[in-house]
Amino acid sequence: MPIVIDHVALRDILGPPVFEMEVSERLTLPGVSVGLAWTPLGGEILFVEASRMEGEGQLTLTSQLGDVMKESAHLAICWLRANAKTYQLTNMVGGPDPLEGTDIHLHFPGGDVTKDGPSAGVTIVTCLASLFSG
């Protein structure tokens, strides 16, 4: 007798879908985005969290980041500044330059794992655009 695994059998075998409450709760906040990270076991989700405060346009990065990730963060800031008018991104007082009078803190949770690679650039841009647009 052949074994047939269809969508009904698959649901019985795997059980109900896993729903991560943490993901949905965190993504409702401006300045938080989620991306995908490559790992030797296939991959996992990667959160990027941004906050801003009055300052002098400084960018602070926290976590164990490699040089490529650091470069991606700086490129994301440059791209957003160049496109701020198009996307109506503002600084803390509503000015057209998102970094004028503003310091940015980018945090990549999971500090025990080194993060590096070029694919996080889109996630960083999304995170910062969310922060700057509210």
Protein backbone atom coordinates (compact mmCIF):
# COMPACT_ATOMS: atom_id res chain seq x y z
CA MET A 1 0.00 0.00 0.00
CA PRO A 2 1.56 3.34 -1.00
CA ILE A 3 2.04 6.03 1.61
CA VAL A 4 0.48 9.32 0.57
CA ILE A 5 1.38 12.53 2.35
CA ASP A 6 -1.03 15.28 1.38
CA HIS A 7 -1.83 18.59 3.13
CA VAL A 8 -4.14 16.83 5.62
CA ALA A 9 -1.56 14.18 6.50
CA LEU A 10 1.16 16.80 6.74
CA ARG A 11 -0.87 18.80 9.25
CA ASP A 12 -1.41 15.63 11.32
CA ILE A 13 2.28 14.79 11.22
CA LEU A 14 3.66 18.28 11.98
CA GLY A 15 0.90 19.57 14.22
CA PRO A 16 -0.45 23.12 14.30
CA PRO A 17 1.70 25.93 12.89
CA VAL A 18 4.05 27.51 15.38
CA PHE A 19 3.23 31.16 15.97
CA GLU A 20 5.94 33.30 17.49
CA MET A 21 4.21 35.92 19.66
CA GLU A 22 7.52 37.73 20.15
CA VAL A 23 7.82 38.43 16.44
CA SER A 24 4.36 39.95 16.05
CA GLU A 25 4.68 42.04 19.22
CA ARG A 26 8.10 43.43 18.33
CA LEU A 27 7.18 44.31 14.76
CA THR A 28 4.43 46.70 15.86
CA LEU A 29 7.08 49.13 17.15
CA PRO A 30 8.67 51.73 14.85
CA GLY A 31 12.36 50.99 14.41
CA VAL A 32 12.20 47.19 14.54
CA SER A 33 12.53 44.89 11.56
CA VAL A 34 13.19 41.23 10.99
CA GLY A 35 15.36 39.63 8.35
CA LEU A 36 16.81 36.25 7.56
CA ALA A 37 20.30 35.17 8.48
CA TRP A 38 22.26 32.29 6.98
CA THR A 39 23.54 29.65 9.40
CA PRO A 40 25.27 26.30 8.83
CA LEU A 41 21.97 24.65 9.83
CA GLY A 42 19.90 26.55 7.28
CA GLY A 43 19.08 29.91 8.82
CA GLU A 44 17.17 31.85 11.41
CA ILE A 45 15.42 35.16 11.83
CA LEU A 46 17.44 38.23 12.73
CA PHE A 47 15.96 41.23 14.51
CA VAL A 48 17.34 44.73 14.03
CA GLU A 49 16.25 47.37 16.53
CA ALA A 50 16.87 51.10 16.16
CA SER A 51 16.37 53.98 18.53
CA ARG A 52 17.16 57.65 18.23
CA MET A 53 17.93 60.44 20.64
CA GLU A 54 19.11 64.01 20.48
CA GLY A 55 22.72 64.17 19.41
CA GLU A 56 25.19 65.05 16.70
CA GLY A 57 24.47 62.50 13.96
CA GLN A 58 26.44 59.62 15.45
CA LEU A 59 25.70 55.97 14.62
CA THR A 60 26.24 53.41 17.39
CA LEU A 61 26.18 49.69 16.56
CA THR A 62 25.89 47.06 19.27
CA SER A 63 26.31 43.29 19.09
CA GLN A 64 29.06 41.14 17.64
CA LEU A 65 29.17 42.53 14.12
CA GLY A 66 31.67 41.85 11.39
CA ASP A 67 33.07 44.51 9.07
CA VAL A 68 30.57 43.79 6.28
CA MET A 69 27.60 44.30 8.66
CA LYS A 70 29.09 47.55 9.93
CA GLU A 71 29.57 48.75 6.38
CA SER A 72 25.97 47.77 5.53
CA ALA A 73 24.69 49.88 8.43
CA HIS A 74 26.65 52.94 7.29
CA LEU A 75 25.49 52.45 3.69
CA ALA A 76 21.88 52.16 4.89
CA ILE A 77 22.18 55.51 6.71
CA CYS A 78 23.69 57.15 3.60
CA TRP A 79 20.99 55.77 1.32
CA LEU A 80 18.20 56.90 3.66
CA ARG A 81 19.67 60.39 3.98
CA ALA A 82 19.90 60.66 0.20
CA ASN A 83 16.30 59.48 -0.21
CA ALA A 84 14.74 61.08 2.88
CA LYS A 85 12.65 63.58 0.91
CA THR A 86 11.23 60.89 -1.39
CA TYR A 87 10.12 58.77 1.57
CA GLN A 88 9.22 61.72 3.85
CA LEU A 89 11.72 60.70 6.53
CA THR A 90 12.48 63.28 9.20
CA ASN A 91 14.62 63.84 12.25
CA MET A 92 13.27 64.20 15.79
CA VAL A 93 12.10 67.80 15.23
CA GLY A 94 10.60 67.16 11.79
CA GLY A 95 13.56 68.39 9.72
CA PRO A 96 14.40 66.87 6.32
CA ASP A 97 17.76 65.32 7.30
CA PRO A 98 17.03 62.25 9.47
CA LEU A 99 20.39 62.51 11.24
CA GLU A 100 20.51 66.26 11.90
CA GLY A 101 20.55 66.70 15.68
CA THR A 102 19.94 62.96 16.10
CA ASP A 103 22.06 60.04 17.24
CA ILE A 104 21.08 56.55 16.10
CA HIS A 105 21.58 53.32 17.99
CA LEU A 106 21.29 50.10 15.98
CA HIS A 107 21.13 46.90 18.00
CA PHE A 108 21.23 43.35 16.71
CA PRO A 109 19.92 41.08 19.52
CA GLY A 110 21.65 37.79 20.14
CA GLY A 111 25.04 39.23 21.00
CA ASP A 112 26.58 35.82 21.61
CA VAL A 113 26.56 35.07 17.86
CA THR A 114 28.81 36.96 15.46
CA LYS A 115 26.83 38.49 12.63
CA ASP A 116 28.30 39.33 9.27
CA GLY A 117 27.36 39.35 5.62
CA PRO A 118 25.86 41.66 3.03
CA SER A 119 22.26 40.42 3.14
CA ALA A 120 21.26 42.45 6.22
CA GLY A 121 21.37 45.76 4.34
CA VAL A 122 17.71 45.64 3.32
CA THR A 123 16.69 44.74 6.88
CA ILE A 124 18.71 47.66 8.25
CA VAL A 125 17.20 50.11 5.74
CA THR A 126 13.71 48.86 6.63
CA CYS A 127 14.43 49.24 10.33
CA LEU A 128 15.71 52.81 9.98
CA ALA A 129 12.96 53.85 7.55
CA SER A 130 10.44 52.58 10.09
CA LEU A 131 12.14 54.59 12.83
CA PHE A 132 12.39 57.80 10.81
CA SER A 133 8.81 57.59 9.50
CA GLY A 134 7.23 56.49 12.77
